[in-house]
Amino acid sequence: MIHHNYYDQRSEVTFRLRSGNGFTLMEVLVAMLILSVGLLGMAALTTGIINSNKLSNRISAATVLAQDKMEEIQSTEYASVADDTEDYNSISDYPLYKRITDVTDDDPAAGMKKITVTVYWDSDNHSVVLKTILAE
């Protein structure tokens, strides 16, 4: 004859419920909190990377514009090299930039010109400066 003890089955079920084979609500909430803090940190990091990349691209473009102006000056006759200002929206394909060329005669010595090309962007908050000396 098979004998079943109801009390033994009930204690086994109670033991399974109390054995910790699952997660409590508090554990789930703590895990969600840790996950959300980590994700917020990643979002801030991503935003910082995007802004740095944008600044890097602007610096590269400004450097190219300054270098182009230097090459243009080098191909110009010495006597014709003079100050120049190209305001925002006046440089083809680069409306966000302003380029100023400053020419100082007889600096550092007679028969030489010191050329300074400054490219600004972001309402003159950022700039790139290239300098050279041109001789007669």
Protein backbone atom coordinates (compact mmCIF):
# COMPACT_ATOMS: atom_id res chain seq x y z
CA MET A 1 0.00 0.00 0.00
CA ILE A 2 1.25 3.46 -0.92
CA HIS A 3 1.19 5.96 1.83
CA HIS A 4 1.28 9.73 1.11
CA ASN A 5 2.00 12.15 3.81
CA TYR A 6 0.34 15.51 3.08
CA TYR A 7 2.47 17.25 5.71
CA ASP A 8 5.75 16.16 4.03
CA GLN A 9 4.64 17.53 0.62
CA ARG A 10 3.58 20.85 2.12
CA SER A 11 6.91 21.37 3.92
CA GLU A 12 8.77 20.65 0.67
CA VAL A 13 6.79 23.39 -1.15
CA THR A 14 7.41 25.82 1.72
CA PHE A 15 11.11 24.99 1.64
CA ARG A 16 11.26 25.71 -2.13
CA LEU A 17 9.62 29.11 -1.67
CA ARG A 18 12.06 30.10 1.05
CA SER A 19 15.17 28.62 -0.52
CA GLY A 20 16.05 31.77 -2.52
CA ASN A 21 15.64 30.30 -5.99
CA GLY A 22 14.41 33.63 -7.37
CA PHE A 23 14.77 37.38 -7.06
CA THR A 24 12.98 39.57 -4.61
CA LEU A 25 11.42 42.84 -5.67
CA MET A 26 14.20 44.74 -3.86
CA GLU A 27 16.91 42.87 -5.74
CA VAL A 28 15.23 43.65 -9.05
CA LEU A 29 14.91 47.35 -8.15
CA VAL A 30 18.57 47.59 -7.12
CA ALA A 31 19.63 45.87 -10.35
CA MET A 32 17.51 48.31 -12.38
CA LEU A 33 19.05 51.25 -10.50
CA ILE A 34 22.59 50.05 -11.21
CA LEU A 35 21.74 49.44 -14.86
CA SER A 36 20.17 52.88 -15.30
CA VAL A 37 23.16 54.64 -13.69
CA GLY A 38 25.46 52.78 -16.07
CA LEU A 39 23.33 53.65 -19.09
CA LEU A 40 23.19 57.32 -18.10
CA GLY A 41 26.97 57.32 -17.83
CA MET A 42 27.24 55.81 -21.29
CA ALA A 43 24.84 58.44 -22.68
CA ALA A 44 26.96 61.25 -21.21
CA LEU A 45 30.11 59.66 -22.61
CA THR A 46 28.53 59.33 -26.05
CA THR A 47 27.47 63.00 -26.02
CA GLY A 48 31.00 64.03 -25.08
CA ILE A 49 32.48 61.95 -27.89
CA ILE A 50 30.07 63.44 -30.45
CA ASN A 51 30.93 67.00 -29.34
CA SER A 52 34.66 66.28 -29.46
CA ASN A 53 34.32 64.81 -32.93
CA LYS A 54 32.42 67.91 -34.09
CA LEU A 55 35.14 70.20 -32.68
CA SER A 56 37.84 68.09 -34.32
CA ASN A 57 36.12 68.38 -37.71
CA ARG A 58 35.84 72.17 -37.31
CA ILE A 59 39.53 72.47 -36.37
CA SER A 60 40.48 70.39 -39.43
CA ALA A 61 38.36 72.54 -41.75
CA ALA A 62 39.78 75.77 -40.28
CA THR A 63 43.32 74.46 -40.70
CA VAL A 64 42.63 73.59 -44.34
CA LEU A 65 41.23 77.10 -44.93
CA ALA A 66 44.29 78.73 -43.35
CA GLN A 67 46.64 76.49 -45.32
CA ASP A 68 44.80 77.27 -48.59
CA LYS A 69 45.24 80.99 -47.92
CA MET A 70 48.96 80.51 -47.21
CA GLU A 71 49.39 78.68 -50.52
CA GLU A 72 47.46 81.43 -52.31
CA ILE A 73 49.77 84.07 -50.76
CA GLN A 74 52.90 82.14 -51.77
CA SER A 75 51.76 82.14 -55.38
CA THR A 76 51.07 85.91 -55.27
CA GLU A 77 53.65 88.52 -56.24
CA TYR A 78 55.51 89.83 -53.17
CA ALA A 79 54.42 93.47 -53.61
CA SER A 80 50.74 92.45 -53.96
CA VAL A 81 50.53 90.59 -50.66
CA ALA A 82 48.27 92.62 -48.35
CA ASP A 83 45.83 92.38 -45.46
CA ASP A 84 42.54 90.65 -46.22
CA THR A 85 39.33 89.87 -44.37
CA GLU A 86 36.83 87.27 -45.53
CA ASP A 87 33.79 87.45 -43.26
CA TYR A 88 31.32 84.72 -42.37
CA ASN A 89 29.33 83.44 -45.37
CA SER A 90 31.91 84.81 -47.83
CA ILE A 91 34.15 81.73 -48.14
CA SER A 92 32.80 79.32 -50.72
CA ASP A 93 31.62 76.00 -49.18
CA TYR A 94 32.57 77.23 -45.68
CA PRO A 95 29.87 79.64 -44.47
CA LEU A 96 30.63 79.00 -40.78
CA TYR A 97 34.16 80.40 -40.99
CA LYS A 98 35.82 83.82 -41.11
CA ARG A 99 39.40 84.25 -42.37
CA ILE A 100 41.64 87.21 -41.60
CA THR A 101 45.05 87.69 -43.20
CA ASP A 102 47.41 90.11 -41.46
CA VAL A 103 50.55 91.22 -43.29
CA THR A 104 53.32 93.06 -41.44
CA ASP A 105 55.99 94.65 -43.68
CA ASP A 106 59.70 94.55 -42.83
CA ASP A 107 59.19 92.04 -40.03
CA PRO A 108 61.38 90.32 -38.82
CA ALA A 109 63.81 92.19 -41.12
CA ALA A 110 63.83 94.55 -44.08
CA GLY A 111 62.60 92.92 -47.29
CA MET A 112 60.43 90.42 -45.43
CA LYS A 113 56.75 90.18 -44.55
CA LYS A 114 55.27 88.34 -41.62
CA ILE A 115 52.01 86.68 -42.69
CA THR A 116 49.43 85.63 -40.11
CA VAL A 117 46.28 83.83 -41.25
CA THR A 118 43.59 83.39 -38.59
CA VAL A 119 40.44 81.39 -39.23
CA TYR A 120 37.55 81.87 -36.80
CA TRP A 121 34.33 79.95 -36.27
CA ASP A 122 31.53 79.76 -33.70
CA SER A 123 31.14 83.57 -33.54
CA ASP A 124 34.90 84.06 -33.04
CA ASN A 125 34.95 81.76 -29.98
CA HIS A 126 37.38 79.35 -31.67
CA SER A 127 40.26 79.97 -34.03
CA VAL A 128 43.24 78.47 -35.83
CA VAL A 129 46.32 80.58 -36.54
CA LEU A 130 49.08 79.90 -39.08
CA LYS A 131 52.14 82.15 -39.47
CA THR A 132 54.92 82.35 -42.01
CA ILE A 133 57.59 84.76 -43.25
CA LEU A 134 57.69 85.79 -46.89
CA ALA A 135 60.90 87.18 -48.40
CA GLU A 136 61.32 89.37 -51.48
